[in-house]
Amino acid sequence: MSIKKYKRKLALCVAALFWAGCDSDSSSAPEATPDNPGEISPLSNSSEAEEAPVPLPNSSEETAPSSSSEMETAHSSESSEILSSSSEGLPESSSEAEPSGETESSSSVNSDYPYTLSTFPNVHCKDSSYFHKSWCPSSKPSLKQSIADMEADMPLYGVVQPVCQDYDRTVNVYTCDNGCTYSPGAFNLLQGDTIFQQEYSNIDKKYIPIQKKIAQDSAQAEASTSYPYMLASDTTVHCKTMYKTKIAKTVPSSLCDTYSEGYYFRCKDGNNYEWEEMLRNENGLIERENPDE
């Protein structure tokens, strides 16, 4: 081989090495970084685009608030919207839900009768009065006239004729919405807005509510060992008085019921009897000589 040919092959080898080095430098060159890091750079070829699709953002990540305070604000606003929507159609208060006059308390229904009768809670009463006309010849007798009438009517034996004490007057009463009237005083005592019907108690030595009085009398009669009365149909059966609650008419012509103390008789034969079944005469019940035997 000649030196000329050798130099030619050497030049070709150097040229080949030069071009090979240029190709490797171009293939290893770094990709250009875009100015905006948030933008997605285009892929070099279509095959890489198919292999690595661009991920879509999550909806929860997009709508998530940036801080815990924003989360609380969003939660409270959603809760208020739910409450407001659920409360639509409901009345704001019970007073708006119920028309006035349809559901009223007993006191408002009987506004003209402010008092309640303790023995009949459904009966309401008020202060009232009526005019009483005297049945005496002189409706308002003076003391002087009364003394003159006494002297004129005095018989020879010194017995004074009774003087009429009745006179024209205004009588105060409690008038109730059932048509009844009750006289104020110890038997019908007003305390607050309640009228208490009372009876005198030998135990308490004062007037007490009639319900309590009946309870006291019933307890005493239950504990008693005395059987002073006799059964009319069999006088060998001995009996004692027992007490009970009684609802009676005030007078035969009245429609007013009265809560009072009634009684019956419990006998040693184990039965209860009424007054008409007991041994009695025109003066009342006949008692045994030894009631405690």
C-alpha atoms as a PDB file:
ATOM      1  CA  MET A   1       0.000   0.000   0.000  1.00  0.00           C
ATOM      2  CA  SER A   2       1.315   3.385  -0.867  1.00  0.00           C
ATOM      3  CA  ILE A   3       1.570   6.271   1.492  1.00  0.00           C
ATOM      4  CA  LYS A   4      -0.922   8.228  -0.605  1.00  0.00           C
ATOM      5  CA  LYS A   5      -3.633   5.617  -0.197  1.00  0.00           C
ATOM      6  CA  TYR A   6      -2.909   5.356   3.522  1.00  0.00           C
ATOM      7  CA  LYS A   7      -3.397   9.076   4.050  1.00  0.00           C
ATOM      8  CA  ARG A   8      -6.652   8.934   2.107  1.00  0.00           C
ATOM      9  CA  LYS A   9      -8.074   6.176   4.354  1.00  0.00           C
ATOM     10  CA  LEU A  10      -6.933   8.026   7.454  1.00  0.00           C
ATOM     11  CA  ALA A  11      -8.770  11.153   6.319  1.00  0.00           C
ATOM     12  CA  LEU A  12     -11.938   9.148   5.711  1.00  0.00           C
ATOM     13  CA  CYS A  13     -11.706   7.608   9.220  1.00  0.00           C
ATOM     14  CA  VAL A  14     -11.268  10.999  10.840  1.00  0.00           C
ATOM     15  CA  ALA A  15     -14.243  12.365   8.889  1.00  0.00           C
ATOM     16  CA  ALA A  16     -16.360   9.390   9.933  1.00  0.00           C
ATOM     17  CA  LEU A  17     -15.423   9.835  13.578  1.00  0.00           C
ATOM     18  CA  PHE A  18     -16.254  13.559  13.370  1.00  0.00           C
ATOM     19  CA  TRP A  19     -19.737  12.970  11.971  1.00  0.00           C
ATOM     20  CA  ALA A  20     -20.406  10.238  14.500  1.00  0.00           C
ATOM     21  CA  GLY A  21     -19.508  12.606  17.330  1.00  0.00           C
ATOM     22  CA  CYS A  22     -21.821  15.299  15.966  1.00  0.00           C
ATOM     23  CA  ASP A  23     -24.794  12.903  15.818  1.00  0.00           C
ATOM     24  CA  SER A  24     -24.292  11.829  19.437  1.00  0.00           C
ATOM     25  CA  ASP A  25     -24.095  15.412  20.609  1.00  0.00           C
ATOM     26  CA  SER A  26     -27.401  16.329  18.919  1.00  0.00           C
ATOM     27  CA  SER A  27     -29.242  13.324  20.317  1.00  0.00           C
ATOM     28  CA  SER A  28     -28.073  13.944  23.912  1.00  0.00           C
ATOM     29  CA  ALA A  29     -28.915  17.665  23.886  1.00  0.00           C
ATOM     30  CA  PRO A  30     -31.367  18.653  26.750  1.00  0.00           C
ATOM     31  CA  GLU A  31     -34.943  19.658  26.003  1.00  0.00           C
ATOM     32  CA  ALA A  32     -35.841  23.296  26.164  1.00  0.00           C
ATOM     33  CA  THR A  33     -37.606  24.336  29.365  1.00  0.00           C
ATOM     34  CA  PRO A  34     -40.709  26.500  28.754  1.00  0.00           C
ATOM     35  CA  ASP A  35     -40.928  29.938  30.288  1.00  0.00           C
ATOM     36  CA  ASN A  36     -44.134  29.062  32.208  1.00  0.00           C
ATOM     37  CA  PRO A  37     -43.535  25.924  34.331  1.00  0.00           C
ATOM     38  CA  GLY A  38     -47.286  25.391  34.763  1.00  0.00           C
ATOM     39  CA  GLU A  39     -47.832  24.831  31.027  1.00  0.00           C
ATOM     40  CA  ILE A  40     -47.515  21.336  29.580  1.00  0.00           C
ATOM     41  CA  SER A  41     -44.736  21.121  26.952  1.00  0.00           C
ATOM     42  CA  PRO A  42     -45.581  19.378  23.677  1.00  0.00           C
ATOM     43  CA  LEU A  43     -44.253  15.876  23.271  1.00  0.00           C
ATOM     44  CA  SER A  44     -41.548  15.151  20.767  1.00  0.00           C
ATOM     45  CA  ASN A  45     -43.600  12.685  18.748  1.00  0.00           C
ATOM     46  CA  SER A  46     -47.086  11.187  18.514  1.00  0.00           C
ATOM     47  CA  SER A  47     -46.071   7.835  19.966  1.00  0.00           C
ATOM     48  CA  GLU A  48     -44.966   9.400  23.229  1.00  0.00           C
ATOM     49  CA  ALA A  49     -48.253  11.377  23.387  1.00  0.00           C
ATOM     50  CA  GLU A  50     -50.240   8.187  23.158  1.00  0.00           C
ATOM     51  CA  GLU A  51     -48.141   6.457  25.831  1.00  0.00           C
ATOM     52  CA  ALA A  52     -48.326   9.316  28.396  1.00  0.00           C
ATOM     53  CA  PRO A  53     -51.775  11.016  28.218  1.00  0.00           C
ATOM     54  CA  VAL A  54     -52.180  14.323  29.991  1.00  0.00           C
ATOM     55  CA  PRO A  55     -53.872  13.707  33.443  1.00  0.00           C
ATOM     56  CA  LEU A  56     -57.131  15.560  34.034  1.00  0.00           C
ATOM     57  CA  PRO A  57     -57.406  17.534  37.297  1.00  0.00           C
ATOM     58  CA  ASN A  58     -59.549  15.993  40.088  1.00  0.00           C
ATOM     59  CA  SER A  59     -62.856  17.795  40.694  1.00  0.00           C
ATOM     60  CA  SER A  60     -62.385  17.584  44.486  1.00  0.00           C
ATOM     61  CA  GLU A  61     -58.945  19.168  44.130  1.00  0.00           C
ATOM     62  CA  GLU A  62     -60.346  21.984  42.050  1.00  0.00           C
ATOM     63  CA  THR A  63     -63.190  22.797  44.486  1.00  0.00           C
ATOM     64  CA  ALA A  64     -61.276  22.138  47.713  1.00  0.00           C
ATOM     65  CA  PRO A  65     -60.830  25.328  49.762  1.00  0.00           C
ATOM     66  CA  SER A  66     -57.284  26.539  50.202  1.00  0.00           C
ATOM     67  CA  SER A  67     -57.418  26.613  54.023  1.00  0.00           C
ATOM     68  CA  SER A  68     -59.305  25.122  56.999  1.00  0.00           C
ATOM     69  CA  SER A  69     -61.114  28.405  57.597  1.00  0.00           C
ATOM     70  CA  GLU A  70     -62.459  28.315  54.074  1.00  0.00           C
ATOM     71  CA  MET A  71     -63.588  24.716  54.659  1.00  0.00           C
ATOM     72  CA  GLU A  72     -65.483  25.751  57.833  1.00  0.00           C
ATOM     73  CA  THR A  73     -67.062  28.691  56.008  1.00  0.00           C
ATOM     74  CA  ALA A  74     -68.179  26.440  53.168  1.00  0.00           C
ATOM     75  CA  HIS A  75     -69.526  23.831  55.617  1.00  0.00           C
ATOM     76  CA  SER A  76     -71.472  26.385  57.663  1.00  0.00           C
ATOM     77  CA  SER A  77     -72.957  27.946  54.541  1.00  0.00           C
ATOM     78  CA  GLU A  78     -74.063  24.524  53.287  1.00  0.00           C
ATOM     79  CA  SER A  79     -75.599  23.711  56.711  1.00  0.00           C
ATOM     80  CA  SER A  80     -77.470  27.002  56.796  1.00  0.00           C
ATOM     81  CA  GLU A  81     -78.819  26.362  53.330  1.00  0.00           C
ATOM     82  CA  ILE A  82     -80.030  22.896  54.409  1.00  0.00           C
ATOM     83  CA  LEU A  83     -81.678  24.267  57.558  1.00  0.00           C
ATOM     84  CA  SER A  84     -83.338  27.095  55.703  1.00  0.00           C
ATOM     85  CA  SER A  85     -84.666  24.742  53.063  1.00  0.00           C
ATOM     86  CA  SER A  86     -85.930  22.230  55.649  1.00  0.00           C
ATOM     87  CA  SER A  87     -87.621  24.950  57.699  1.00  0.00           C
ATOM     88  CA  GLU A  88     -89.578  26.279  54.745  1.00  0.00           C
ATOM     89  CA  GLY A  89     -93.275  25.691  55.195  1.00  0.00           C
ATOM     90  CA  LEU A  90     -93.017  25.350  59.003  1.00  0.00           C
ATOM     91  CA  PRO A  91     -94.507  28.022  61.292  1.00  0.00           C
ATOM     92  CA  GLU A  92     -92.038  30.266  63.059  1.00  0.00           C
ATOM     93  CA  SER A  93     -93.720  29.741  66.424  1.00  0.00           C
ATOM     94  CA  SER A  94     -96.580  27.826  67.983  1.00  0.00           C
ATOM     95  CA  SER A  95     -98.564  31.025  68.310  1.00  0.00           C
ATOM     96  CA  GLU A  96     -98.542  31.425  64.529  1.00  0.00           C
ATOM     97  CA  ALA A  97     -99.287  27.750  63.979  1.00  0.00           C
ATOM     98  CA  GLU A  98    -102.469  27.857  66.053  1.00  0.00           C
ATOM     99  CA  PRO A  99    -105.061  30.492  65.261  1.00  0.00           C
ATOM    100  CA  SER A 100    -106.067  32.529  68.249  1.00  0.00           C
ATOM    101  CA  GLY A 101    -109.369  31.488  69.756  1.00  0.00           C
ATOM    102  CA  GLU A 102    -109.258  27.835  68.628  1.00  0.00           C
ATOM    103  CA  THR A 103    -107.003  26.291  71.299  1.00  0.00           C
ATOM    104  CA  GLU A 104    -107.261  28.354  74.442  1.00  0.00           C
ATOM    105  CA  SER A 105    -106.645  27.511  78.062  1.00  0.00           C
ATOM    106  CA  SER A 106    -109.505  27.170  80.501  1.00  0.00           C
ATOM    107  CA  SER A 107    -108.656  30.536  82.048  1.00  0.00           C
ATOM    108  CA  SER A 108    -108.802  32.314  78.683  1.00  0.00           C
ATOM    109  CA  VAL A 109    -112.032  30.552  77.710  1.00  0.00           C
ATOM    110  CA  ASN A 110    -113.591  31.752  80.986  1.00  0.00           C
ATOM    111  CA  SER A 111    -111.945  35.173  81.023  1.00  0.00           C
ATOM    112  CA  ASP A 112    -115.103  36.670  82.552  1.00  0.00           C
ATOM    113  CA  TYR A 113    -114.967  34.054  85.334  1.00  0.00           C
ATOM    114  CA  PRO A 114    -111.454  34.350  86.848  1.00  0.00           C
ATOM    115  CA  TYR A 115    -111.968  31.997  89.816  1.00  0.00           C
ATOM    116  CA  THR A 116    -111.881  28.196  89.805  1.00  0.00           C
ATOM    117  CA  LEU A 117    -113.939  26.065  92.175  1.00  0.00           C
ATOM    118  CA  SER A 118    -111.541  23.686  93.950  1.00  0.00           C
ATOM    119  CA  THR A 119    -114.014  20.810  94.154  1.00  0.00           C
ATOM    120  CA  PHE A 120    -115.099  21.206  90.518  1.00  0.00           C
ATOM    121  CA  PRO A 121    -112.057  22.442  88.513  1.00  0.00           C
ATOM    122  CA  ASN A 122    -114.118  22.732  85.327  1.00  0.00           C
ATOM    123  CA  VAL A 123    -116.407  25.305  87.016  1.00  0.00           C
ATOM    124  CA  HIS A 124    -115.301  28.960  86.935  1.00  0.00           C
ATOM    125  CA  CYS A 125    -116.771  31.793  88.993  1.00  0.00           C
ATOM    126  CA  LYS A 126    -116.719  35.551  89.389  1.00  0.00           C
ATOM    127  CA  ASP A 127    -117.630  38.198  91.941  1.00  0.00           C
ATOM    128  CA  SER A 128    -121.302  39.059  91.784  1.00  0.00           C
ATOM    129  CA  SER A 129    -124.167  40.362  93.880  1.00  0.00           C
ATOM    130  CA  TYR A 130    -127.935  40.426  94.039  1.00  0.00           C
ATOM    131  CA  PHE A 131    -130.575  42.440  95.855  1.00  0.00           C
ATOM    132  CA  HIS A 132    -132.330  40.759  98.768  1.00  0.00           C
ATOM    133  CA  LYS A 133    -135.789  42.072  99.596  1.00  0.00           C
ATOM    134  CA  SER A 134    -136.669  41.856 103.265  1.00  0.00           C
ATOM    135  CA  TRP A 135    -139.693  39.829 104.284  1.00  0.00           C
ATOM    136  CA  CYS A 136    -140.229  42.078 107.350  1.00  0.00           C
ATOM    137  CA  PRO A 137    -143.029  44.713 107.423  1.00  0.00           C
ATOM    138  CA  SER A 138    -140.336  47.363 107.714  1.00  0.00           C
ATOM    139  CA  SER A 139    -137.528  46.524 105.396  1.00  0.00           C
ATOM    140  CA  LYS A 140    -134.997  48.582 107.362  1.00  0.00           C
ATOM    141  CA  PRO A 141    -136.075  48.660 110.999  1.00  0.00           C
ATOM    142  CA  SER A 142    -134.244  51.142 113.160  1.00  0.00           C
ATOM    143  CA  LEU A 143    -133.151  50.322 116.687  1.00  0.00           C
ATOM    144  CA  LYS A 144    -135.706  52.762 118.121  1.00  0.00           C
ATOM    145  CA  GLN A 145    -138.529  51.200 116.120  1.00  0.00           C
ATOM    146  CA  SER A 146    -137.424  47.710 117.124  1.00  0.00           C
ATOM    147  CA  ILE A 147    -137.500  48.600 120.822  1.00  0.00           C
ATOM    148  CA  ALA A 148    -140.965  50.152 120.417  1.00  0.00           C
ATOM    149  CA  ASP A 149    -142.214  47.030 118.677  1.00  0.00           C
ATOM    150  CA  MET A 150    -140.775  44.846 121.433  1.00  0.00           C
ATOM    151  CA  GLU A 151    -142.537  46.832 124.168  1.00  0.00           C
ATOM    152  CA  ALA A 152    -145.808  46.815 122.277  1.00  0.00           C
ATOM    153  CA  ASP A 153    -145.675  43.092 121.623  1.00  0.00           C
ATOM    154  CA  MET A 154    -144.524  42.089 125.115  1.00  0.00           C
ATOM    155  CA  PRO A 155    -147.149  39.733 126.583  1.00  0.00           C
ATOM    156  CA  LEU A 156    -148.304  39.776 130.162  1.00  0.00           C
ATOM    157  CA  TYR A 157    -145.965  36.967 131.149  1.00  0.00           C
ATOM    158  CA  GLY A 158    -142.878  38.885 130.030  1.00  0.00           C
ATOM    159  CA  VAL A 159    -141.970  36.761 127.022  1.00  0.00           C
ATOM    160  CA  VAL A 160    -140.526  39.017 124.349  1.00  0.00           C
ATOM    161  CA  GLN A 161    -141.765  38.376 120.849  1.00  0.00           C
ATOM    162  CA  PRO A 162    -138.911  37.918 118.348  1.00  0.00           C
ATOM    163  CA  VAL A 163    -138.074  40.984 116.323  1.00  0.00           C
ATOM    164  CA  CYS A 164    -137.647  40.632 112.577  1.00  0.00           C
ATOM    165  CA  GLN A 165    -133.964  40.986 111.823  1.00  0.00           C
ATOM    166  CA  ASP A 166    -134.253  40.757 108.053  1.00  0.00           C
ATOM    167  CA  TYR A 167    -133.819  43.883 105.921  1.00  0.00           C
ATOM    168  CA  ASP A 168    -133.247  45.005 102.376  1.00  0.00           C
ATOM    169  CA  ARG A 169    -129.640  44.513 101.417  1.00  0.00           C
ATOM    170  CA  THR A 170    -127.197  43.699  98.646  1.00  0.00           C
ATOM    171  CA  VAL A 171    -125.744  40.219  98.982  1.00  0.00           C
ATOM    172  CA  ASN A 172    -122.294  39.472  97.570  1.00  0.00           C
ATOM    173  CA  VAL A 173    -121.855  35.999  96.077  1.00  0.00           C
ATOM    174  CA  TYR A 174    -119.680  34.042  93.700  1.00  0.00           C
ATOM    175  CA  THR A 175    -121.634  33.392  90.508  1.00  0.00           C
ATOM    176  CA  CYS A 176    -120.327  30.475  88.448  1.00  0.00           C
ATOM    177  CA  ASP A 177    -120.603  29.601  84.779  1.00  0.00           C
ATOM    178  CA  ASN A 178    -122.710  26.529  85.618  1.00  0.00           C
ATOM    179  CA  GLY A 179    -125.450  28.746  87.077  1.00  0.00           C
ATOM    180  CA  CYS A 180    -124.540  28.141  90.739  1.00  0.00           C
ATOM    181  CA  THR A 181    -123.923  30.761  93.406  1.00  0.00           C
ATOM    182  CA  TYR A 182    -121.802  30.394  96.545  1.00  0.00           C
ATOM    183  CA  SER A 183    -121.634  32.734  99.518  1.00  0.00           C
ATOM    184  CA  PRO A 184    -118.164  34.078 100.409  1.00  0.00           C
ATOM    185  CA  GLY A 185    -116.884  33.208 103.860  1.00  0.00           C
ATOM    186  CA  ALA A 186    -115.360  30.331 105.761  1.00  0.00           C
ATOM    187  CA  PHE A 187    -117.302  27.723 103.768  1.00  0.00           C
ATOM    188  CA  ASN A 188    -116.202  29.190 100.427  1.00  0.00           C
ATOM    189  CA  LEU A 189    -112.802  30.783 100.941  1.00  0.00           C
ATOM    190  CA  LEU A 190    -111.122  32.606  98.061  1.00  0.00           C
ATOM    191  CA  GLN A 191    -107.349  32.131  97.964  1.00  0.00           C
ATOM    192  CA  GLY A 192    -105.627  33.528  94.907  1.00  0.00           C
ATOM    193  CA  ASP A 193    -107.868  32.556  92.010  1.00  0.00           C
ATOM    194  CA  THR A 194    -109.306  29.407  93.653  1.00  0.00           C
ATOM    195  CA  ILE A 195    -112.438  29.127  95.772  1.00  0.00           C
ATOM    196  CA  PHE A 196    -111.957  26.412  98.394  1.00  0.00           C
ATOM    197  CA  GLN A 197    -115.077  24.764  99.778  1.00  0.00           C
ATOM    198  CA  GLN A 198    -114.346  24.088 103.449  1.00  0.00           C
ATOM    199  CA  GLU A 199    -115.689  22.350 106.543  1.00  0.00           C
ATOM    200  CA  TYR A 200    -114.774  22.742 110.189  1.00  0.00           C
ATOM    201  CA  SER A 201    -112.313  20.115 111.437  1.00  0.00           C
ATOM    202  CA  ASN A 202    -112.480  18.962 115.045  1.00  0.00           C
ATOM    203  CA  ILE A 203    -108.915  17.705 114.673  1.00  0.00           C
ATOM    204  CA  ASP A 204    -107.374  20.901 113.285  1.00  0.00           C
ATOM    205  CA  LYS A 205    -109.836  23.153 115.159  1.00  0.00           C
ATOM    206  CA  LYS A 206    -110.346  25.288 112.092  1.00  0.00           C
ATOM    207  CA  TYR A 207    -111.953  25.278 108.652  1.00  0.00           C
ATOM    208  CA  ILE A 208    -110.082  23.111 106.151  1.00  0.00           C
ATOM    209  CA  PRO A 209    -110.766  22.034 102.520  1.00  0.00           C
ATOM    210  CA  ILE A 210    -113.657  19.614 102.473  1.00  0.00           C
ATOM    211  CA  GLN A 211    -111.592  16.946 100.714  1.00  0.00           C
ATOM    212  CA  LYS A 212    -109.184  16.898 103.654  1.00  0.00           C
ATOM    213  CA  LYS A 213    -112.056  16.882 106.143  1.00  0.00           C
ATOM    214  CA  ILE A 214    -113.603  13.808 104.506  1.00  0.00           C
ATOM    215  CA  ALA A 215    -110.233  12.054 104.520  1.00  0.00           C
ATOM    216  CA  GLN A 216    -109.853  12.748 108.250  1.00  0.00           C
ATOM    217  CA  ASP A 217    -113.338  11.503 109.102  1.00  0.00           C
ATOM    218  CA  SER A 218    -112.912   8.379 106.975  1.00  0.00           C
ATOM    219  CA  ALA A 219    -109.634   7.504 108.705  1.00  0.00           C
ATOM    220  CA  GLN A 220    -111.193   7.951 112.148  1.00  0.00           C
ATOM    221  CA  ALA A 221    -114.237   5.856 111.258  1.00  0.00           C
ATOM    222  CA  GLU A 222    -112.037   3.115 109.808  1.00  0.00           C
ATOM    223  CA  ALA A 223    -110.015   2.923 113.032  1.00  0.00           C
ATOM    224  CA  SER A 224    -113.050   2.978 115.312  1.00  0.00           C
ATOM    225  CA  THR A 225    -113.939  -0.233 117.186  1.00  0.00           C
ATOM    226  CA  SER A 226    -117.359   1.047 118.280  1.00  0.00           C
ATOM    227  CA  TYR A 227    -120.448  -0.310 116.484  1.00  0.00           C
ATOM    228  CA  PRO A 228    -123.316   1.649 118.079  1.00  0.00           C
ATOM    229  CA  TYR A 229    -126.067   1.066 115.513  1.00  0.00           C
ATOM    230  CA  MET A 230    -128.241  -1.875 114.540  1.00  0.00           C
ATOM    231  CA  LEU A 231    -129.560  -3.179 111.279  1.00  0.00           C
ATOM    232  CA  ALA A 232    -133.348  -2.820 111.087  1.00  0.00           C
ATOM    233  CA  SER A 233    -133.877  -6.230 109.512  1.00  0.00           C
ATOM    234  CA  ASP A 234    -131.618  -7.939 112.084  1.00  0.00           C
ATOM    235  CA  THR A 235    -130.829  -6.074 115.303  1.00  0.00           C
ATOM    236  CA  THR A 236    -128.091  -8.558 116.139  1.00  0.00           C
ATOM    237  CA  VAL A 237    -126.007  -7.090 113.310  1.00  0.00           C
ATOM    238  CA  HIS A 238    -124.089  -4.121 114.671  1.00  0.00           C
ATOM    239  CA  CYS A 239    -122.832  -1.249 112.504  1.00  0.00           C
ATOM    240  CA  LYS A 240    -120.727   1.916 112.532  1.00  0.00           C
ATOM    241  CA  THR A 241    -120.692   5.110 110.490  1.00  0.00           C
ATOM    242  CA  MET A 242    -118.374   5.463 107.511  1.00  0.00           C
ATOM    243  CA  TYR A 243    -117.807   8.629 105.470  1.00  0.00           C
ATOM    244  CA  LYS A 244    -117.611   9.214 101.745  1.00  0.00           C
ATOM    245  CA  THR A 245    -117.569  11.980  99.186  1.00  0.00           C
ATOM    246  CA  LYS A 246    -121.048  13.048  98.219  1.00  0.00           C
ATOM    247  CA  ILE A 247    -122.266  15.124  95.295  1.00  0.00           C
ATOM    248  CA  ALA A 248    -125.664  16.538  96.203  1.00  0.00           C
ATOM    249  CA  LYS A 249    -128.050  19.227  95.050  1.00  0.00           C
ATOM    250  CA  THR A 250    -127.930  22.451  97.038  1.00  0.00           C
ATOM    251  CA  VAL A 251    -131.704  22.739  97.023  1.00  0.00           C
ATOM    252  CA  PRO A 252    -134.296  20.575  95.245  1.00  0.00           C
ATOM    253  CA  SER A 253    -135.040  23.264  92.655  1.00  0.00           C
ATOM    254  CA  SER A 254    -131.395  24.050  91.922  1.00  0.00           C
ATOM    255  CA  LEU A 255    -129.191  22.646  89.193  1.00  0.00           C
ATOM    256  CA  CYS A 256    -126.080  23.243  91.293  1.00  0.00           C
ATOM    257  CA  ASP A 257    -124.125  20.258  92.550  1.00  0.00           C
ATOM    258  CA  THR A 258    -122.375  20.481  95.905  1.00  0.00           C
ATOM    259  CA  TYR A 259    -119.282  18.553  96.946  1.00  0.00           C
ATOM    260  CA  SER A 260    -119.988  17.466 100.503  1.00  0.00           C
ATOM    261  CA  GLU A 261    -119.514  14.713 103.054  1.00  0.00           C
ATOM    262  CA  GLY A 262    -121.886  11.783 102.899  1.00  0.00           C
ATOM    263  CA  TYR A 263    -121.955   8.648 105.000  1.00  0.00           C
ATOM    264  CA  TYR A 264    -122.978   5.032 105.008  1.00  0.00           C
ATOM    265  CA  PHE A 265    -122.822   2.200 107.540  1.00  0.00           C
ATOM    266  CA  ARG A 266    -120.415  -0.686 107.696  1.00  0.00           C
ATOM    267  CA  CYS A 267    -121.696  -3.632 109.659  1.00  0.00           C
ATOM    268  CA  LYS A 268    -120.014  -6.619 111.233  1.00  0.00           C
ATOM    269  CA  ASP A 269    -121.575  -8.932 108.685  1.00  0.00           C
ATOM    270  CA  GLY A 270    -119.117  -7.428 106.168  1.00  0.00           C
ATOM    271  CA  ASN A 271    -121.669  -5.433 104.191  1.00  0.00           C
ATOM    272  CA  ASN A 272    -122.369  -1.718 103.762  1.00  0.00           C
ATOM    273  CA  TYR A 273    -125.824  -0.234 104.284  1.00  0.00           C
ATOM    274  CA  GLU A 274    -127.600   3.066 103.815  1.00  0.00           C
ATOM    275  CA  TRP A 275    -129.337   5.147 106.468  1.00  0.00           C
ATOM    276  CA  GLU A 276    -132.789   3.869 105.522  1.00  0.00           C
ATOM    277  CA  GLU A 277    -131.752   0.294 106.347  1.00  0.00           C
ATOM    278  CA  MET A 278    -130.718   1.075 109.917  1.00  0.00           C
ATOM    279  CA  LEU A 279    -132.915   0.749 113.024  1.00  0.00           C
ATOM    280  CA  ARG A 280    -134.358   4.191 113.712  1.00  0.00           C
ATOM    281  CA  ASN A 281    -137.399   6.111 114.943  1.00  0.00           C
ATOM    282  CA  GLU A 282    -138.798   9.564 114.347  1.00  0.00           C
ATOM    283  CA  ASN A 283    -135.902  11.096 116.255  1.00  0.00           C
ATOM    284  CA  GLY A 284    -133.183   9.357 114.267  1.00  0.00           C
ATOM    285  CA  LEU A 285    -130.974   6.309 114.677  1.00  0.00           C
ATOM    286  CA  ILE A 286    -131.367   4.093 117.730  1.00  0.00           C
ATOM    287  CA  GLU A 287    -128.118   3.291 119.475  1.00  0.00           C
ATOM    288  CA  ARG A 288    -127.206   0.178 121.404  1.00  0.00           C
ATOM    289  CA  GLU A 289    -126.745   0.357 125.197  1.00  0.00           C
ATOM    290  CA  ASN A 290    -123.205  -1.039 124.966  1.00  0.00           C
ATOM    291  CA  PRO A 291    -121.854   0.050 121.548  1.00  0.00           C
ATOM    292  CA  ASP A 292    -118.305  -1.184 122.221  1.00  0.00           C
ATOM    293  CA  GLU A 293    -119.277  -4.808 122.909  1.00  0.00           C
END
